């Protein structure tokens, strides 16, 4: 039995709303902005370095990524919990990702 137009539209809308919006953290002026973000397990977080110097996104045992000047990296928030991270080059730069189920 073929789907009616209303059912097809509902399926398309349901599928598009199920996808998470990308989460972006900007690295600028020796800080992570925003300093704290909330995502769901399995979501990705993109870090965009707008500084003219290198940084890292380092969360002990989870991430240890180099972030060159004017480039970006994407990391996975795999499981629920709090991920505290910092720049290992500039340890005063700190942030947190809260990963919900």
PDB file of N, CA and C in Angstrom:
ATOM      1  N   UNK A   1       0.860  -1.176   0.000  1.00  0.00           N
ATOM      2  CA  UNK A   1       0.000   0.000   0.000  1.00  0.00           C
ATOM      3  C   UNK A   1       0.902   1.234   0.000  1.00  0.00           C
ATOM      4  N   UNK A   2       0.773   2.120  -0.983  1.00  0.00           N
ATOM      5  CA  UNK A   2       1.643   3.300  -1.062  1.00  0.00           C
ATOM      6  C   UNK A   2       1.317   4.292   0.056  1.00  0.00           C
ATOM      7  N   UNK A   3       2.370   5.006   0.494  1.00  0.00           N
ATOM      8  CA  UNK A   3       2.192   6.040   1.515  1.00  0.00           C
ATOM      9  C   UNK A   3       1.540   7.261   0.897  1.00  0.00           C
ATOM     10  N   UNK A   4       0.664   7.901   1.646  1.00  0.00           N
ATOM     11  CA  UNK A   4       0.080   9.149   1.199  1.00  0.00           C
ATOM     12  C   UNK A   4       1.074  10.284   1.384  1.00  0.00           C
ATOM     13  N   UNK A   5       0.800  11.419   0.747  1.00  0.00           N
ATOM     14  CA  UNK A   5       1.690  12.573   0.815  1.00  0.00           C
ATOM     15  C   UNK A   5       1.892  13.032   2.259  1.00  0.00           C
ATOM     16  N   UNK A   6       0.838  13.043   3.066  1.00  0.00           N
ATOM     17  CA  UNK A   6       0.953  13.478   4.459  1.00  0.00           C
ATOM     18  C   UNK A   6       1.907  12.569   5.229  1.00  0.00           C
ATOM     19  N   UNK A   7       1.858  11.265   4.985  1.00  0.00           N
ATOM     20  CA  UNK A   7       2.738  10.322   5.676  1.00  0.00           C
ATOM     21  C   UNK A   7       4.183  10.535   5.254  1.00  0.00           C
ATOM     22  N   UNK A   8       4.405  10.806   3.980  1.00  0.00           N
ATOM     23  CA  UNK A   8       5.759  11.040   3.486  1.00  0.00           C
ATOM     24  C   UNK A   8       6.329  12.321   4.096  1.00  0.00           C
ATOM     25  N   UNK A   9       5.538  13.374   4.162  1.00  0.00           N
ATOM     26  CA  UNK A   9       5.983  14.629   4.757  1.00  0.00           C
ATOM     27  C   UNK A   9       6.297  14.417   6.236  1.00  0.00           C
ATOM     28  N   UNK A  10       5.443  13.685   6.953  1.00  0.00           N
ATOM     29  CA  UNK A  10       5.679  13.421   8.371  1.00  0.00           C
ATOM     30  C   UNK A  10       6.978  12.651   8.558  1.00  0.00           C
ATOM     31  N   UNK A  11       7.223  11.645   7.728  1.00  0.00           N
ATOM     32  CA  UNK A  11       8.454  10.876   7.837  1.00  0.00           C
ATOM     33  C   UNK A  11       9.678  11.745   7.576  1.00  0.00           C
ATOM     34  N   UNK A  12       9.609  12.613   6.606  1.00  0.00           N
ATOM     35  CA  UNK A  12      10.739  13.491   6.278  1.00  0.00           C
ATOM     36  C   UNK A  12      11.012  14.462   7.422  1.00  0.00           C
ATOM     37  N   UNK A  13       9.970  15.036   7.989  1.00  0.00           N
ATOM     38  CA  UNK A  13      10.139  15.976   9.098  1.00  0.00           C
ATOM     39  C   UNK A  13      10.668  15.239  10.321  1.00  0.00           C
ATOM     40  N   UNK A  14      10.140  14.065  10.618  1.00  0.00           N
ATOM     41  CA  UNK A  14      10.595  13.298  11.769  1.00  0.00           C
ATOM     42  C   UNK A  14      12.062  12.934  11.636  1.00  0.00           C
ATOM     43  N   UNK A  15      12.477  12.533  10.462  1.00  0.00           N
ATOM     44  CA  UNK A  15      13.872  12.160  10.250  1.00  0.00           C
ATOM     45  C   UNK A  15      14.791  13.357  10.395  1.00  0.00           C
ATOM     46  N   UNK A  16      14.383  14.512   9.900  1.00  0.00           N
ATOM     47  CA  UNK A  16      15.264  15.687   9.970  1.00  0.00           C
ATOM     48  C   UNK A  16      15.352  16.240  11.376  1.00  0.00           C
ATOM     49  N   UNK A  17      14.294  16.124  12.173  1.00  0.00           N
ATOM     50  CA  UNK A  17      14.356  16.654  13.528  1.00  0.00           C
ATOM     51  C   UNK A  17      15.103  15.699  14.458  1.00  0.00           C
ATOM     52  N   UNK A  18      15.272  14.446  14.062  1.00  0.00           N
ATOM     53  CA  UNK A  18      16.000  13.496  14.892  1.00  0.00           C
ATOM     54  C   UNK A  18      17.503  13.752  14.853  1.00  0.00           C
ATOM     55  N   UNK A  19      17.985  14.420  13.813  1.00  0.00           N
ATOM     56  CA  UNK A  19      19.407  14.704  13.703  1.00  0.00           C
ATOM     57  C   UNK A  19      19.773  15.851  14.634  1.00  0.00           C
ATOM     58  N   UNK A  20      20.887  15.705  15.343  1.00  0.00           N
ATOM     59  CA  UNK A  20      21.323  16.753  16.265  1.00  0.00           C
ATOM     60  C   UNK A  20      21.975  17.894  15.501  1.00  0.00           C
ATOM     61  N   UNK A  21      21.775  19.103  15.984  1.00  0.00           N
ATOM     62  CA  UNK A  21      22.473  20.249  15.416  1.00  0.00           C
ATOM     63  C   UNK A  21      23.948  20.113  15.754  1.00  0.00           C
ATOM     64  N   UNK A  22      24.812  20.489  14.821  1.00  0.00           N
ATOM     65  CA  UNK A  22      26.239  20.418  15.151  1.00  0.00           C
ATOM     66  C   UNK A  22      26.576  21.375  16.290  1.00  0.00           C
ATOM     67  N   UNK A  23      27.476  20.955  17.150  1.00  0.00           N
ATOM     68  CA  UNK A  23      27.908  21.787  18.270  1.00  0.00           C
ATOM     69  C   UNK A  23      29.306  22.292  17.944  1.00  0.00           C
ATOM     70  N   UNK A  24      29.482  23.608  18.014  1.00  0.00           N
ATOM     71  CA  UNK A  24      30.768  24.215  17.692  1.00  0.00           C
ATOM     72  C   UNK A  24      31.271  25.014  18.876  1.00  0.00           C
ATOM     73  N   UNK A  25      32.549  24.820  19.193  1.00  0.00           N
ATOM     74  CA  UNK A  25      33.231  25.603  20.212  1.00  0.00           C
ATOM     75  C   UNK A  25      34.307  26.401  19.481  1.00  0.00           C
ATOM     76  N   UNK A  26      34.300  27.709  19.672  1.00  0.00           N
ATOM     77  CA  UNK A  26      35.288  28.575  19.053  1.00  0.00           C
ATOM     78  C   UNK A  26      36.457  28.772  20.020  1.00  0.00           C
ATOM     79  N   UNK A  27      37.657  28.676  19.487  1.00  0.00           N
ATOM     80  CA  UNK A  27      38.862  28.927  20.273  1.00  0.00           C
ATOM     81  C   UNK A  27      39.394  30.274  19.811  1.00  0.00           C
ATOM     82  N   UNK A  28      39.341  31.249  20.724  1.00  0.00           N
ATOM     83  CA  UNK A  28      39.745  32.605  20.356  1.00  0.00           C
ATOM     84  C   UNK A  28      40.142  33.375  21.603  1.00  0.00           C
ATOM     85  N   UNK A  29      41.230  34.133  21.483  1.00  0.00           N
ATOM     86  CA  UNK A  29      41.664  34.939  22.617  1.00  0.00           C
ATOM     87  C   UNK A  29      42.051  34.088  23.811  1.00  0.00           C
ATOM     88  N   UNK A  30      42.666  32.931  23.552  1.00  0.00           N
ATOM     89  CA  UNK A  30      43.099  32.019  24.612  1.00  0.00           C
ATOM     90  C   UNK A  30      41.946  31.538  25.492  1.00  0.00           C
ATOM     91  N   UNK A  31      40.790  31.273  24.857  1.00  0.00           N
ATOM     92  CA  UNK A  31      39.671  30.704  25.602  1.00  0.00           C
ATOM     93  C   UNK A  31      38.781  29.882  24.675  1.00  0.00           C
ATOM     94  N   UNK A  32      38.025  28.965  25.296  1.00  0.00           N
ATOM     95  CA  UNK A  32      37.034  28.171  24.593  1.00  0.00           C
ATOM     96  C   UNK A  32      35.688  28.864  24.769  1.00  0.00           C
ATOM     97  N   UNK A  33      34.980  29.104  23.647  1.00  0.00           N
ATOM     98  CA  UNK A  33      33.696  29.818  23.710  1.00  0.00           C
ATOM     99  C   UNK A  33      32.635  29.043  22.940  1.00  0.00           C
ATOM    100  N   UNK A  34      31.566  28.610  23.600  1.00  0.00           N
ATOM    101  CA  UNK A  34      31.313  28.718  25.028  1.00  0.00           C
ATOM    102  C   UNK A  34      32.193  27.755  25.809  1.00  0.00           C
ATOM    103  N   UNK A  35      32.391  28.058  27.064  1.00  0.00           N
ATOM    104  CA  UNK A  35      33.241  27.235  27.922  1.00  0.00           C
ATOM    105  C   UNK A  35      32.574  25.907  28.274  1.00  0.00           C
ATOM    106  N   UNK A  36      31.263  25.840  28.168  1.00  0.00           N
ATOM    107  CA  UNK A  36      30.528  24.627  28.489  1.00  0.00           C
ATOM    108  C   UNK A  36      29.438  24.401  27.443  1.00  0.00           C
ATOM    109  N   UNK A  37      29.344  23.160  26.955  1.00  0.00           N
ATOM    110  CA  UNK A  37      28.293  22.801  26.007  1.00  0.00           C
ATOM    111  C   UNK A  37      27.662  21.490  26.449  1.00  0.00           C
ATOM    112  N   UNK A  38      26.427  21.265  26.015  1.00  0.00           N
ATOM    113  CA  UNK A  38      25.712  20.033  26.318  1.00  0.00           C
ATOM    114  C   UNK A  38      25.365  19.338  25.007  1.00  0.00           C
ATOM    115  N   UNK A  39      25.665  18.039  24.945  1.00  0.00           N
ATOM    116  CA  UNK A  39      25.373  17.230  23.761  1.00  0.00           C
ATOM    117  C   UNK A  39      24.789  15.901  24.223  1.00  0.00           C
ATOM    118  N   UNK A  40      24.421  15.073  23.273  1.00  0.00           N
ATOM    119  CA  UNK A  40      23.954  13.725  23.575  1.00  0.00           C
ATOM    120  C   UNK A  40      25.041  12.728  23.191  1.00  0.00           C
ATOM    121  N   UNK A  41      25.046  11.583  23.859  1.00  0.00           N
ATOM    122  CA  UNK A  41      26.018  10.535  23.549  1.00  0.00           C
ATOM    123  C   UNK A  41      25.954  10.220  22.060  1.00  0.00           C
ATOM    124  N   UNK A  42      27.108  10.167  21.428  1.00  0.00           N
ATOM    125  CA  UNK A  42      27.194   9.912  19.997  1.00  0.00           C
ATOM    126  C   UNK A  42      27.298  11.170  19.155  1.00  0.00           C
ATOM    127  N   UNK A  43      27.072  12.340  19.766  1.00  0.00           N
ATOM    128  CA  UNK A  43      27.197  13.606  19.030  1.00  0.00           C
ATOM    129  C   UNK A  43      28.663  13.966  18.858  1.00  0.00           C
ATOM    130  N   UNK A  44      28.912  14.840  17.910  1.00  0.00           N
ATOM    131  CA  UNK A  44      30.262  15.334  17.667  1.00  0.00           C
ATOM    132  C   UNK A  44      30.341  16.806  18.044  1.00  0.00           C
ATOM    133  N   UNK A  45      31.525  17.211  18.475  1.00  0.00           N
ATOM    134  CA  UNK A  45      31.787  18.614  18.818  1.00  0.00           C
ATOM    135  C   UNK A  45      32.943  19.082  17.936  1.00  0.00           C
ATOM    136  N   UNK A  46      32.733  20.199  17.265  1.00  0.00           N
ATOM    137  CA  UNK A  46      33.772  20.773  16.411  1.00  0.00           C
ATOM    138  C   UNK A  46      34.397  21.955  17.120  1.00  0.00           C
ATOM    139  N   UNK A  47      35.724  21.971  17.159  1.00  0.00           N
ATOM    140  CA  UNK A  47      36.495  23.070  17.731  1.00  0.00           C
ATOM    141  C   UNK A  47      37.126  23.846  16.577  1.00  0.00           C
ATOM    142  N   UNK A  48      36.850  25.144  16.515  1.00  0.00           N
ATOM    143  CA  UNK A  48      37.358  26.005  15.458  1.00  0.00           C
ATOM    144  C   UNK A  48      38.355  26.978  16.068  1.00  0.00           C
ATOM    145  N   UNK A  49      39.606  26.886  15.648  1.00  0.00           N
ATOM    146  CA  UNK A  49      40.662  27.743  16.190  1.00  0.00           C
ATOM    147  C   UNK A  49      40.761  29.016  15.359  1.00  0.00           C
ATOM    148  N   UNK A  50      40.363  30.135  15.944  1.00  0.00           N
ATOM    149  CA  UNK A  50      40.455  31.424  15.266  1.00  0.00           C
ATOM    150  C   UNK A  50      41.703  32.198  15.686  1.00  0.00           C
ATOM    151  N   UNK A  51      42.495  31.608  16.577  1.00  0.00           N
ATOM    152  CA  UNK A  51      43.742  32.239  17.005  1.00  0.00           C
ATOM    153  C   UNK A  51      44.837  32.004  15.965  1.00  0.00           C
ATOM    154  N   UNK A  52      45.896  32.775  16.074  1.00  0.00           N
ATOM    155  CA  UNK A  52      47.060  32.628  15.206  1.00  0.00           C
ATOM    156  C   UNK A  52      48.113  31.723  15.830  1.00  0.00           C
ATOM    157  N   UNK A  53      47.722  30.952  16.835  1.00  0.00           N
ATOM    158  CA  UNK A  53      48.646  30.034  17.500  1.00  0.00           C
ATOM    159  C   UNK A  53      47.967  28.683  17.663  1.00  0.00           C
ATOM    160  N   UNK A  54      48.776  27.649  17.831  1.00  0.00           N
ATOM    161  CA  UNK A  54      48.244  26.298  18.016  1.00  0.00           C
ATOM    162  C   UNK A  54      47.700  26.112  19.431  1.00  0.00           C
ATOM    163  N   UNK A  55      46.745  25.218  19.544  1.00  0.00           N
ATOM    164  CA  UNK A  55      46.167  24.818  20.824  1.00  0.00           C
ATOM    165  C   UNK A  55      45.991  23.304  20.785  1.00  0.00           C
ATOM    166  N   UNK A  56      45.489  22.746  21.869  1.00  0.00           N
ATOM    167  CA  UNK A  56      45.064  21.349  21.894  1.00  0.00           C
ATOM    168  C   UNK A  56      43.682  21.273  22.525  1.00  0.00           C
ATOM    169  N   UNK A  57      43.028  20.168  22.289  1.00  0.00           N
ATOM    170  CA  UNK A  57      41.802  19.822  23.006  1.00  0.00           C
ATOM    171  C   UNK A  57      42.137  18.510  23.706  1.00  0.00           C
ATOM    172  N   UNK A  58      42.411  18.613  25.002  1.00  0.00           N
ATOM    173  CA  UNK A  58      42.929  17.480  25.758  1.00  0.00           C
ATOM    174  C   UNK A  58      42.017  17.168  26.944  1.00  0.00           C
ATOM    175  N   UNK A  59      41.446  15.971  26.915  1.00  0.00           N
ATOM    176  CA  UNK A  59      40.664  15.439  28.034  1.00  0.00           C
ATOM    177  C   UNK A  59      41.297  14.104  28.372  1.00  0.00           C
ATOM    178  N   UNK A  60      41.907  14.023  29.520  1.00  0.00           N
ATOM    179  CA  UNK A  60      42.715  12.860  29.889  1.00  0.00           C
ATOM    180  C   UNK A  60      41.988  11.544  29.618  1.00  0.00           C
ATOM    181  N   UNK A  61      42.606  10.715  28.797  1.00  0.00           N
ATOM    182  CA  UNK A  61      42.055   9.410  28.484  1.00  0.00           C
ATOM    183  C   UNK A  61      40.924   9.419  27.470  1.00  0.00           C
ATOM    184  N   UNK A  62      40.539  10.604  26.970  1.00  0.00           N
ATOM    185  CA  UNK A  62      39.415  10.684  26.027  1.00  0.00           C
ATOM    186  C   UNK A  62      39.865  11.324  24.717  1.00  0.00           C
ATOM    187  N   UNK A  63      40.352  12.558  24.797  1.00  0.00           N
ATOM    188  CA  UNK A  63      40.809  13.278  23.608  1.00  0.00           C
ATOM    189  C   UNK A  63      42.193  13.841  23.883  1.00  0.00           C
ATOM    190  N   UNK A  64      43.006  13.887  22.862  1.00  0.00           N
ATOM    191  CA  UNK A  64      44.271  14.614  22.905  1.00  0.00           C
ATOM    192  C   UNK A  64      44.581  15.010  21.465  1.00  0.00           C
ATOM    193  N   UNK A  65      43.909  16.071  21.023  1.00  0.00           N
ATOM    194  CA  UNK A  65      43.967  16.486  19.626  1.00  0.00           C
ATOM    195  C   UNK A  65      44.703  17.807  19.482  1.00  0.00           C
ATOM    196  N   UNK A  66      45.587  17.864  18.502  1.00  0.00           N
ATOM    197  CA  UNK A  66      46.253  19.125  18.163  1.00  0.00           C
ATOM    198  C   UNK A  66      45.305  19.970  17.333  1.00  0.00           C
ATOM    199  N   UNK A  67      45.311  21.278  17.589  1.00  0.00           N
ATOM    200  CA  UNK A  67      44.431  22.206  16.883  1.00  0.00           C
ATOM    201  C   UNK A  67      45.275  23.348  16.317  1.00  0.00           C
ATOM    202  N   UNK A  68      45.739  23.185  15.071  1.00  0.00           N
ATOM    203  CA  UNK A  68      46.592  24.208  14.462  1.00  0.00           C
ATOM    204  C   UNK A  68      45.851  25.538  14.288  1.00  0.00           C
ATOM    205  N   UNK A  69      46.612  26.629  14.118  1.00  0.00           N
ATOM    206  CA  UNK A  69      45.999  27.935  13.901  1.00  0.00           C
ATOM    207  C   UNK A  69      45.082  27.926  12.673  1.00  0.00           C
ATOM    208  N   UNK A  70      43.936  28.574  12.816  1.00  0.00           N
ATOM    209  CA  UNK A  70      42.984  28.764  11.711  1.00  0.00           C
ATOM    210  C   UNK A  70      42.455  27.461  11.120  1.00  0.00           C
ATOM    211  N   UNK A  71      42.425  26.407  11.938  1.00  0.00           N
ATOM    212  CA  UNK A  71      41.883  25.130  11.481  1.00  0.00           C
ATOM    213  C   UNK A  71      40.846  24.632  12.483  1.00  0.00           C
ATOM    214  N   UNK A  72      40.225  23.507  12.156  1.00  0.00           N
ATOM    215  CA  UNK A  72      39.229  22.934  13.061  1.00  0.00           C
ATOM    216  C   UNK A  72      39.450  21.435  13.192  1.00  0.00           C
ATOM    217  N   UNK A  73      38.920  20.888  14.271  1.00  0.00           N
ATOM    218  CA  UNK A  73      38.910  19.451  14.505  1.00  0.00           C
ATOM    219  C   UNK A  73      37.532  19.079  15.029  1.00  0.00           C
ATOM    220  N   UNK A  74      37.173  17.833  14.860  1.00  0.00           N
ATOM    221  CA  UNK A  74      35.900  17.331  15.377  1.00  0.00           C
ATOM    222  C   UNK A  74      36.177  16.108  16.230  1.00  0.00           C
ATOM    223  N   UNK A  75      35.558  16.085  17.409  1.00  0.00           N
ATOM    224  CA  UNK A  75      35.726  14.964  18.333  1.00  0.00           C
ATOM    225  C   UNK A  75      34.362  14.350  18.629  1.00  0.00           C
ATOM    226  N   UNK A  76      34.393  13.111  19.090  1.00  0.00           N
ATOM    227  CA  UNK A  76      33.174  12.384  19.401  1.00  0.00           C
ATOM    228  C   UNK A  76      32.924  12.385  20.906  1.00  0.00           C
ATOM    229  N   UNK A  77      31.690  12.699  21.291  1.00  0.00           N
ATOM    230  CA  UNK A  77      31.256  12.578  22.686  1.00  0.00           C
ATOM    231  C   UNK A  77      30.553  11.226  22.796  1.00  0.00           C
ATOM    232  N   UNK A  78      31.326  10.190  23.053  1.00  0.00           N
ATOM    233  CA  UNK A  78      30.844   8.820  22.894  1.00  0.00           C
ATOM    234  C   UNK A  78      29.850   8.352  23.951  1.00  0.00           C
ATOM    235  N   UNK A  79      30.106   8.694  25.224  1.00  0.00           N
ATOM    236  CA  UNK A  79      29.233   8.144  26.264  1.00  0.00           C
ATOM    237  C   UNK A  79      28.863   9.219  27.279  1.00  0.00           C
ATOM    238  N   UNK A  80      27.737   9.029  27.985  1.00  0.00           N
ATOM    239  CA  UNK A  80      27.273  10.028  28.940  1.00  0.00           C
ATOM    240  C   UNK A  80      28.291  10.324  30.039  1.00  0.00           C
ATOM    241  N   UNK A  81      28.274  11.566  30.489  1.00  0.00           N
ATOM    242  CA  UNK A  81      29.149  11.999  31.569  1.00  0.00           C
ATOM    243  C   UNK A  81      29.647  13.413  31.315  1.00  0.00           C
ATOM    244  N   UNK A  82      30.535  13.863  32.165  1.00  0.00           N
ATOM    245  CA  UNK A  82      31.146  15.185  32.009  1.00  0.00           C
ATOM    246  C   UNK A  82      32.566  15.007  31.493  1.00  0.00           C
ATOM    247  N   UNK A  83      32.889  15.745  30.440  1.00  0.00           N
ATOM    248  CA  UNK A  83      34.240  15.715  29.899  1.00  0.00           C
ATOM    249  C   UNK A  83      34.858  17.086  30.145  1.00  0.00           C
ATOM    250  N   UNK A  84      35.792  17.137  31.074  1.00  0.00           N
ATOM    251  CA  UNK A  84      36.541  18.368  31.311  1.00  0.00           C
ATOM    252  C   UNK A  84      37.780  18.320  30.437  1.00  0.00           C
ATOM    253  N   UNK A  85      38.027  19.394  29.711  1.00  0.00           N
ATOM    254  CA  UNK A  85      39.173  19.420  28.809  1.00  0.00           C
ATOM    255  C   UNK A  85      39.922  20.730  28.971  1.00  0.00           C
ATOM    256  N   UNK A  86      41.129  20.761  28.427  1.00  0.00           N
ATOM    257  CA  UNK A  86      41.942  21.977  28.460  1.00  0.00           C
ATOM    258  C   UNK A  86      42.870  21.982  27.263  1.00  0.00           C
ATOM    259  N   UNK A  87      43.560  23.079  27.098  1.00  0.00           N
ATOM    260  CA  UNK A  87      44.642  23.171  26.132  1.00  0.00           C
ATOM    261  C   UNK A  87      45.921  22.818  26.881  1.00  0.00           C
ATOM    262  N   UNK A  88      46.619  21.773  26.434  1.00  0.00           N
ATOM    263  CA  UNK A  88      47.830  21.365  27.146  1.00  0.00           C
ATOM    264  C   UNK A  88      48.971  22.367  26.952  1.00  0.00           C
ATOM    265  N   UNK A  89      48.883  23.215  25.945  1.00  0.00           N
ATOM    266  CA  UNK A  89      49.893  24.251  25.712  1.00  0.00           C
ATOM    267  C   UNK A  89      49.633  25.452  26.615  1.00  0.00           C
ATOM    268  N   UNK A  90      48.350  25.763  26.815  1.00  0.00           N
ATOM    269  CA  UNK A  90      47.917  26.908  27.634  1.00  0.00           C
ATOM    270  C   UNK A  90      46.939  26.378  28.687  1.00  0.00           C
ATOM    271  N   UNK A  91      47.425  25.825  29.803  1.00  0.00           N
ATOM    272  CA  UNK A  91      46.576  25.119  30.763  1.00  0.00           C
ATOM    273  C   UNK A  91      45.488  25.954  31.435  1.00  0.00           C
ATOM    274  N   UNK A  92      45.541  27.263  31.308  1.00  0.00           N
ATOM    275  CA  UNK A  92      44.453  28.070  31.875  1.00  0.00           C
ATOM    276  C   UNK A  92      43.209  28.032  30.973  1.00  0.00           C
ATOM    277  N   UNK A  93      43.374  27.558  29.746  1.00  0.00           N
ATOM    278  CA  UNK A  93      42.234  27.403  28.833  1.00  0.00           C
ATOM    279  C   UNK A  93      41.517  26.102  29.185  1.00  0.00           C
ATOM    280  N   UNK A  94      40.275  26.219  29.682  1.00  0.00           N
ATOM    281  CA  UNK A  94      39.532  25.039  30.109  1.00  0.00           C
ATOM    282  C   UNK A  94      38.115  25.095  29.602  1.00  0.00           C
ATOM    283  N   UNK A  95      37.536  23.915  29.442  1.00  0.00           N
ATOM    284  CA  UNK A  95      36.138  23.815  29.012  1.00  0.00           C
ATOM    285  C   UNK A  95      35.532  22.521  29.500  1.00  0.00           C
ATOM    286  N   UNK A  96      34.225  22.368  29.238  1.00  0.00           N
ATOM    287  CA  UNK A  96      33.505  21.168  29.666  1.00  0.00           C
ATOM    288  C   UNK A  96      32.442  20.811  28.621  1.00  0.00           C
ATOM    289  N   UNK A  97      32.336  19.522  28.380  1.00  0.00           N
ATOM    290  CA  UNK A  97      31.247  18.995  27.557  1.00  0.00           C
ATOM    291  C   UNK A  97      30.418  18.084  28.454  1.00  0.00           C
ATOM    292  N   UNK A  98      29.156  18.412  28.620  1.00  0.00           N
ATOM    293  CA  UNK A  98      28.231  17.565  29.355  1.00  0.00           C
ATOM    294  C   UNK A  98      27.544  16.677  28.330  1.00  0.00           C
ATOM    295  N   UNK A  99      27.735  15.370  28.473  1.00  0.00           N
ATOM    296  CA  UNK A  99      27.178  14.408  27.517  1.00  0.00           C
ATOM    297  C   UNK A  99      26.003  13.710  28.176  1.00  0.00           C
ATOM    298  N   UNK A 100      24.811  13.963  27.635  1.00  0.00           N
ATOM    299  CA  UNK A 100      23.591  13.342  28.157  1.00  0.00           C
ATOM    300  C   UNK A 100      23.303  12.045  27.389  1.00  0.00           C
ATOM    301  N   UNK A 101      22.559  11.132  28.025  1.00  0.00           N
ATOM    302  CA  UNK A 101      22.216   9.869  27.328  1.00  0.00           C
ATOM    303  C   UNK A 101      21.416  10.116  26.056  1.00  0.00           C
TER     304      UNK A 101
END
